[in-house]
N, C-alpha and C. Protein backbone atom coordinates (compact mmCIF):
# COMPACT_ATOMS: atom_id res chain seq x y z
N MET A 1 -8.47 1.28 10.46
CA MET A 1 -7.24 0.81 9.28
C MET A 1 -8.04 1.59 7.80
N LYS A 2 -6.64 2.17 7.37
CA LYS A 2 -6.75 2.85 6.12
C LYS A 2 -6.20 2.35 5.22
N LEU A 3 -6.33 1.76 4.57
CA LEU A 3 -5.49 1.76 3.30
C LEU A 3 -5.12 2.86 2.28
N PHE A 4 -4.00 3.03 1.94
CA PHE A 4 -3.59 3.64 0.55
C PHE A 4 -2.86 2.62 -0.41
N PHE A 5 -3.27 3.37 -1.80
CA PHE A 5 -2.63 2.20 -2.77
C PHE A 5 -1.95 4.08 -3.90
N ASP A 6 -0.91 3.29 -4.67
CA ASP A 6 0.06 3.63 -4.98
C ASP A 6 -0.29 3.86 -5.56
N GLU A 7 0.03 4.20 -7.34
CA GLU A 7 -0.32 4.94 -8.52
C GLU A 7 -0.28 3.55 -9.27
N ASP A 8 0.39 2.64 -9.09
CA ASP A 8 1.17 1.31 -10.14
C ASP A 8 -0.39 0.75 -9.50
N ILE A 9 -1.07 0.52 -8.64
CA ILE A 9 -2.69 -0.25 -8.56
C ILE A 9 -3.39 0.22 -9.25
N GLY A 10 -3.59 1.99 -8.83
CA GLY A 10 -4.54 2.53 -10.51
C GLY A 10 -5.91 2.71 -9.29
N THR A 11 -7.05 2.73 -10.13
CA THR A 11 -8.36 3.83 -8.57
C THR A 11 -9.75 2.77 -9.13
N GLY A 12 -9.19 1.66 -9.51
CA GLY A 12 -9.88 0.89 -9.32
C GLY A 12 -10.54 0.11 -8.18
N VAL A 13 -9.19 -0.87 -7.90
CA VAL A 13 -9.46 -1.47 -6.61
C VAL A 13 -9.93 -0.72 -4.92
N PRO A 14 -9.16 0.25 -5.04
CA PRO A 14 -9.20 1.25 -4.27
C PRO A 14 -10.74 1.81 -4.28
N LYS A 15 -11.05 1.48 -5.12
CA LYS A 15 -13.05 2.39 -5.28
C LYS A 15 -14.12 0.99 -4.84
N ALA A 16 -13.30 -0.16 -5.37
CA ALA A 16 -13.69 -1.28 -4.96
C ALA A 16 -14.51 -1.43 -3.59
N LEU A 17 -13.24 -1.18 -2.91
CA LEU A 17 -12.90 -0.92 -1.89
C LEU A 17 -13.90 -0.35 -0.70
N ARG A 18 -13.56 1.29 -0.65
CA ARG A 18 -14.51 2.42 -0.91
C ARG A 18 -15.82 1.72 -0.88
N SER A 19 -16.56 0.86 -2.35
CA SER A 19 -18.14 0.65 -2.16
C SER A 19 -18.46 -0.70 -1.33
N VAL A 20 -17.89 -0.73 -0.27
CA VAL A 20 -17.99 -2.30 0.50
C VAL A 20 -17.72 -1.72 1.82
N GLY A 21 -17.08 0.05 1.84
CA GLY A 21 -17.35 0.45 3.51
C GLY A 21 -16.17 0.13 3.78
N ILE A 22 -14.81 0.14 2.87
CA ILE A 22 -13.50 -0.31 3.22
C ILE A 22 -12.67 1.48 3.39
N THR A 23 -11.81 2.08 4.01
CA THR A 23 -11.68 3.20 4.30
C THR A 23 -10.57 3.08 3.21
N CYS A 24 -10.11 4.04 2.09
CA CYS A 24 -8.95 4.36 1.21
C CYS A 24 -8.73 5.13 0.88
N GLU A 25 -7.60 5.51 0.89
CA GLU A 25 -6.88 6.49 -0.56
C GLU A 25 -6.23 5.88 -1.69
N TRP A 26 -5.90 6.77 -2.34
CA TRP A 26 -5.20 6.57 -3.37
C TRP A 26 -4.94 7.35 -4.28
N ILE A 27 -3.98 7.43 -5.08
CA ILE A 27 -3.32 8.46 -5.67
C ILE A 27 -4.09 8.15 -6.73
N GLY A 28 -4.17 10.16 -7.65
CA GLY A 28 -5.54 10.19 -8.17
C GLY A 28 -6.68 10.66 -7.54
N LYS A 29 -6.61 10.15 -6.25
CA LYS A 29 -7.78 11.50 -5.37
C LYS A 29 -7.53 12.86 -4.93
N ARG A 30 -7.84 13.58 -5.57
CA ARG A 30 -7.72 15.68 -6.21
C ARG A 30 -7.74 15.64 -4.77
N ARG A 31 -7.77 15.05 -3.54
CA ARG A 31 -8.38 15.55 -2.49
C ARG A 31 -6.97 16.28 -1.13
N ARG A 32 -6.44 15.82 -1.63
CA ARG A 32 -4.88 15.83 -0.62
C ARG A 32 -4.22 16.67 -2.19
N PRO A 33 -3.17 17.13 -1.73
CA PRO A 33 -2.17 17.36 -2.51
C PRO A 33 -1.08 16.93 -2.82
N ALA A 34 -0.73 15.56 -1.53
CA ALA A 34 -0.20 14.74 -1.70
C ALA A 34 -0.26 13.15 -2.31
N THR A 35 -1.70 13.62 -2.47
CA THR A 35 -2.59 12.24 -3.20
C THR A 35 -2.89 12.17 -4.78
N ARG A 36 -2.33 13.75 -5.72
CA ARG A 36 -3.00 13.70 -6.52
C ARG A 36 -1.91 12.97 -7.36
N LYS A 37 -2.99 12.44 -8.49
CA LYS A 37 -2.33 12.16 -10.02
C LYS A 37 -0.71 12.60 -10.37
N GLY A 38 -0.17 11.27 -10.69
CA GLY A 38 1.25 11.61 -10.34
C GLY A 38 2.50 12.20 -9.49
N THR A 39 2.01 12.09 -8.36
CA THR A 39 2.58 12.24 -7.30
C THR A 39 4.19 11.39 -6.89
N PRO A 40 4.78 12.16 -7.14
CA PRO A 40 6.64 11.46 -7.20
C PRO A 40 6.29 10.58 -5.51
N ASP A 41 6.97 9.32 -5.45
CA ASP A 41 6.77 8.23 -4.10
C ASP A 41 7.69 8.71 -2.78
N GLU A 42 8.27 9.93 -3.85
CA GLU A 42 8.96 11.00 -2.18
C GLU A 42 8.30 11.75 -1.86
N VAL A 43 7.20 12.33 -2.55
CA VAL A 43 6.15 13.07 -2.06
C VAL A 43 5.32 12.29 -0.40
N TRP A 44 4.68 10.56 -1.44
CA TRP A 44 3.31 9.92 -1.07
C TRP A 44 3.91 9.83 0.00
N ILE A 45 5.53 8.70 -0.01
CA ILE A 45 5.90 7.93 0.84
C ILE A 45 6.36 8.89 2.26
N PRO A 46 5.77 9.89 2.62
CA PRO A 46 6.19 10.46 4.05
C PRO A 46 5.07 10.71 4.15
N HIS A 47 4.12 12.11 3.17
CA HIS A 47 1.86 11.05 3.26
C HIS A 47 1.67 10.12 4.44
N ALA A 48 2.22 9.18 4.00
CA ALA A 48 1.46 7.29 4.14
C ALA A 48 2.15 7.49 5.52
N GLY A 49 3.30 7.54 5.80
CA GLY A 49 3.38 8.00 7.12
C GLY A 49 2.41 8.01 8.21
N ARG A 50 3.16 9.72 7.97
CA ARG A 50 2.79 10.50 8.69
C ARG A 50 0.87 10.26 9.15
N ARG A 51 0.48 10.01 8.40
CA ARG A 51 -0.98 9.54 8.59
C ARG A 51 -1.18 8.38 8.98
N GLY A 52 -0.89 7.00 9.25
CA GLY A 52 -0.04 5.69 9.31
C GLY A 52 -0.97 5.07 8.82
N LEU A 53 -0.76 4.99 7.54
CA LEU A 53 -1.96 4.19 6.75
C LEU A 53 -1.26 3.13 6.12
N LEU A 54 -1.78 2.33 5.61
CA LEU A 54 -1.01 1.00 5.44
C LEU A 54 -0.73 0.71 3.55
N VAL A 55 0.20 1.14 3.53
CA VAL A 55 0.50 1.12 1.82
C VAL A 55 0.12 -0.07 1.08
N PHE A 56 -0.27 -0.31 -0.47
CA PHE A 56 -0.54 -1.01 -0.61
C PHE A 56 0.18 -0.54 -2.32
N SER A 57 1.19 -1.59 -2.97
CA SER A 57 1.70 -1.21 -4.07
C SER A 57 2.01 -3.02 -5.01
N CYS A 58 2.66 -2.31 -6.04
CA CYS A 58 3.05 -3.59 -6.53
C CYS A 58 4.73 -3.13 -7.10
N ASN A 59 4.66 -1.91 -6.73
CA ASN A 59 6.37 -1.06 -6.91
C ASN A 59 7.55 -1.94 -5.76
N LYS A 60 7.76 -2.56 -6.20
CA LYS A 60 8.86 -3.27 -4.78
C LYS A 60 10.18 -2.98 -5.17
N ASN A 61 9.54 -1.47 -5.91
CA ASN A 61 11.61 -0.56 -6.30
C ASN A 61 10.91 -0.29 -5.13
N ILE A 62 10.79 0.45 -4.23
CA ILE A 62 10.80 1.24 -3.61
C ILE A 62 11.53 0.71 -2.37
N LEU A 63 11.77 0.00 -1.99
CA LEU A 63 12.46 -0.68 -1.26
C LEU A 63 14.27 -1.05 -1.73
N GLU A 64 14.21 -1.22 -3.00
CA GLU A 64 15.27 -1.33 -3.81
C GLU A 64 16.27 0.55 -4.01
N SER A 65 15.16 0.52 -3.89
CA SER A 65 15.76 2.42 -4.26
C SER A 65 17.20 2.77 -2.86
N GLU A 66 17.43 3.34 -2.65
CA GLU A 66 18.53 3.27 -1.43
C GLU A 66 17.43 4.81 -1.02
N ALA A 67 17.47 6.18 -1.82
CA ALA A 67 16.82 7.04 -1.17
C ALA A 67 15.24 7.14 -0.30
N GLN A 68 14.29 5.92 -1.45
CA GLN A 68 13.15 5.25 -1.11
C GLN A 68 12.42 4.67 0.36
N ARG A 69 14.12 3.61 -0.05
CA ARG A 69 13.79 2.77 1.49
C ARG A 69 13.99 3.77 2.49
N GLU A 70 14.69 4.75 2.46
CA GLU A 70 15.47 5.10 3.86
C GLU A 70 14.16 5.95 3.62
N LEU A 71 13.54 7.22 3.41
CA LEU A 71 12.00 7.58 3.38
C LEU A 71 10.94 7.01 4.16
N TRP A 72 11.16 5.78 3.32
CA TRP A 72 9.67 4.61 4.17
C TRP A 72 9.71 3.70 5.76
N ILE A 73 11.44 3.90 5.92
CA ILE A 73 12.33 3.72 7.09
C ILE A 73 12.22 4.83 8.34
N GLU A 74 12.31 6.18 7.54
CA GLU A 74 11.77 7.54 8.37
C GLU A 74 11.04 7.51 8.72
N HIS A 75 10.39 7.52 7.75
CA HIS A 75 9.16 8.15 7.80
C HIS A 75 8.05 6.81 8.47
N LYS A 76 8.39 5.52 8.39
CA LYS A 76 7.88 4.34 9.73
C LYS A 76 6.77 4.21 9.11
N VAL A 77 7.04 3.61 7.82
CA VAL A 77 5.75 3.45 6.75
C VAL A 77 5.72 1.87 6.88
N GLY A 78 4.05 1.45 6.77
CA GLY A 78 4.66 -0.04 6.59
C GLY A 78 3.32 -0.38 5.75
N GLY A 79 3.95 -1.71 5.16
CA GLY A 79 2.97 -1.73 3.68
C GLY A 79 3.67 -3.11 3.12
N VAL A 80 2.44 -3.03 2.42
CA VAL A 80 2.39 -4.77 1.67
C VAL A 80 2.80 -4.32 0.14
N PHE A 81 3.79 -5.24 -0.99
CA PHE A 81 3.94 -5.10 -1.53
C PHE A 81 3.94 -6.34 -2.93
N LEU A 82 2.99 -6.31 -3.73
CA LEU A 82 2.48 -7.56 -4.42
C LEU A 82 3.80 -7.65 -5.38
N THR A 83 3.80 -9.49 -5.39
CA THR A 83 5.10 -9.84 -5.75
C THR A 83 5.72 -10.03 -7.64
N THR A 84 4.47 -10.10 -8.04
CA THR A 84 4.94 -9.78 -9.51
C THR A 84 4.78 -8.18 -10.26
N GLY A 85 3.55 -7.87 -9.52
CA GLY A 85 2.76 -6.31 -10.39
C GLY A 85 2.29 -6.57 -11.88
N GLN A 86 2.21 -7.92 -12.41
CA GLN A 86 1.27 -8.60 -12.82
C GLN A 86 -0.73 -8.90 -12.70
N GLU A 87 -0.94 -8.76 -11.09
CA GLU A 87 -1.54 -9.50 -11.30
C GLU A 87 -3.19 -8.47 -11.86
N LYS A 88 -4.42 -9.80 -12.20
CA LYS A 88 -5.32 -8.45 -12.35
C LYS A 88 -5.95 -8.47 -11.49
N LYS A 89 -6.94 -6.79 -11.34
CA LYS A 89 -6.92 -5.84 -10.15
C LYS A 89 -8.18 -6.85 -10.15
N ALA A 90 -9.31 -7.83 -9.99
CA ALA A 90 -9.61 -8.35 -9.62
C ALA A 90 -9.42 -9.13 -8.25
N ASP A 91 -8.37 -10.13 -9.46
CA ASP A 91 -7.26 -11.28 -8.62
C ASP A 91 -6.79 -10.30 -6.99
N VAL A 92 -6.26 -8.95 -7.49
CA VAL A 92 -6.48 -8.14 -6.33
C VAL A 92 -6.77 -7.39 -4.93
N LEU A 93 -8.40 -7.19 -5.63
CA LEU A 93 -9.66 -7.02 -4.87
C LEU A 93 -9.60 -8.38 -3.75
N LEU A 94 -9.54 -9.55 -5.11
CA LEU A 94 -10.01 -10.75 -4.35
C LEU A 94 -9.29 -10.81 -3.37
N LEU A 95 -7.87 -10.84 -3.27
CA LEU A 95 -7.05 -11.31 -2.08
C LEU A 95 -7.12 -10.32 -1.14
N ILE A 96 -7.18 -8.81 -1.23
CA ILE A 96 -7.75 -7.93 -0.60
C ILE A 96 -8.83 -7.99 0.56
N LEU A 97 -9.57 -8.78 0.10
CA LEU A 97 -11.38 -9.67 1.02
C LEU A 97 -10.79 -10.00 1.81
N ARG A 98 -10.07 -11.05 1.25
CA ARG A 98 -9.55 -12.65 2.09
C ARG A 98 -8.79 -12.83 2.74
N ARG A 99 -7.33 -11.49 2.57
CA ARG A 99 -6.83 -11.22 3.24
C ARG A 99 -6.83 -9.54 4.28
N MET A 100 -8.31 -9.49 4.10
CA MET A 100 -8.53 -8.92 5.11
C MET A 100 -7.66 -8.45 6.71
N MET A 101 -8.04 -9.81 7.25
CA MET A 101 -8.47 -9.36 8.76
C MET A 101 -6.37 -9.89 8.91
N TRP A 102 -5.36 -10.45 7.89
CA TRP A 102 -4.37 -10.29 7.99
C TRP A 102 -3.90 -9.00 8.28
N LEU A 103 -3.99 -8.31 6.93
CA LEU A 103 -4.22 -6.96 7.19
C LEU A 103 -4.34 -5.85 8.17
N GLU A 104 -5.15 -5.78 8.66
CA GLU A 104 -5.45 -4.81 10.39
C GLU A 104 -4.91 -6.05 11.22
N ASP A 105 -4.31 -7.17 11.29
CA ASP A 105 -3.27 -7.35 11.96
C ASP A 105 -2.10 -6.76 11.92
N ILE A 106 -1.65 -6.39 10.95
CA ILE A 106 0.12 -5.75 11.01
C ILE A 106 -0.69 -4.57 10.72
N HIS A 107 -1.35 -4.62 10.38
CA HIS A 107 -1.20 -2.98 10.53
C HIS A 107 -1.07 -2.48 12.35
N VAL A 108 -1.95 -3.28 12.87
CA VAL A 108 -2.33 -2.69 14.44
C VAL A 108 -0.88 -3.09 14.86
N ASN A 109 -0.62 -4.21 14.84
CA ASN A 109 0.61 -5.41 15.69
C ASN A 109 2.13 -5.18 15.48
N THR A 110 2.48 -5.40 13.62
CA THR A 110 4.27 -4.91 13.76
C THR A 110 4.60 -3.72 13.87
N PRO A 111 5.12 -3.49 14.76
CA PRO A 111 6.02 -2.18 14.73
C PRO A 111 5.86 -1.27 13.46
N ARG A 112 6.33 0.04 13.50
CA ARG A 112 6.98 0.46 11.56
C ARG A 112 7.83 0.38 12.06
N PRO A 113 8.83 1.07 11.13
CA PRO A 113 8.75 1.02 9.66
C PRO A 113 8.23 -1.20 8.93
N PHE A 114 7.56 -1.02 7.95
CA PHE A 114 7.74 -2.61 7.95
C PHE A 114 7.42 -2.58 6.56
N ALA A 115 7.65 -4.34 6.32
CA ALA A 115 6.41 -4.20 4.31
C ALA A 115 7.44 -5.93 4.37
N TYR A 116 6.01 -6.16 3.32
CA TYR A 116 5.34 -7.82 3.36
C TYR A 116 5.73 -7.49 1.82
N THR A 117 5.34 -8.77 1.13
CA THR A 117 5.33 -9.38 0.02
C THR A 117 4.64 -10.18 0.12
N THR A 118 3.60 -10.16 -0.61
CA THR A 118 2.52 -11.46 -1.17
C THR A 118 2.20 -11.50 -2.32
N THR A 119 2.08 -12.90 -2.78
CA THR A 119 1.60 -13.30 -3.76
C THR A 119 0.21 -13.70 -3.75
N ILE A 120 -0.63 -13.26 -5.46
CA ILE A 120 -2.27 -13.19 -5.26
C ILE A 120 -2.37 -14.46 -4.48
N ARG A 121 -1.96 -15.17 -4.35
CA ARG A 121 -2.85 -16.42 -3.20
C ARG A 121 -2.86 -16.19 -1.77
N GLY A 122 -2.24 -14.81 -1.91
CA GLY A 122 -1.46 -14.61 0.09
C GLY A 122 -0.12 -15.22 0.51
N ASN A 123 0.13 -15.95 -0.27
CA ASN A 123 1.63 -16.24 0.44
C ASN A 123 2.00 -15.00 0.87
N TRP A 124 2.60 -14.46 1.89
CA TRP A 124 3.19 -13.16 2.76
C TRP A 124 4.45 -13.72 3.13
N LYS A 125 4.92 -12.71 2.99
CA LYS A 125 6.87 -12.95 3.84
C LYS A 125 7.44 -11.13 4.12
N ARG A 126 8.15 -11.19 5.34
CA ARG A 126 8.22 -10.18 5.69
C ARG A 126 9.43 -10.05 4.97
N VAL A 127 9.93 -8.57 4.69
CA VAL A 127 11.04 -8.41 3.81
C VAL A 127 11.73 -7.08 3.88
N LEU A 128 11.19 -6.28 5.57
CA LEU A 128 11.87 -5.14 6.09
C LEU A 128 11.64 -4.64 7.17
């Protein structure tokens, strides 16, 4: 499984995860044009779908914008959205580490496209 973090999450969480051996990509990582800082959602969503990445975001507007939601569905993206977007980075990091088995399970066993929301306590709900 490879996690993908959009720009709203920042770089601290994915870099910390990478330091403990979890494979991650994020917006702001310069190796790929589709992940450079400032990359629009309309560019990275197809990128994430093509590569089979599991998206982690706090931008639930992606699912509310008709155009972005259609891109999500068309490119068969799977992802998890934080419910408020106001969570502390350390809490997000702990959430991901605690819920890693669940993330791996949905990544492997849930047909794409899909989207879940999760609270910082790990209570999840499928929304797509």
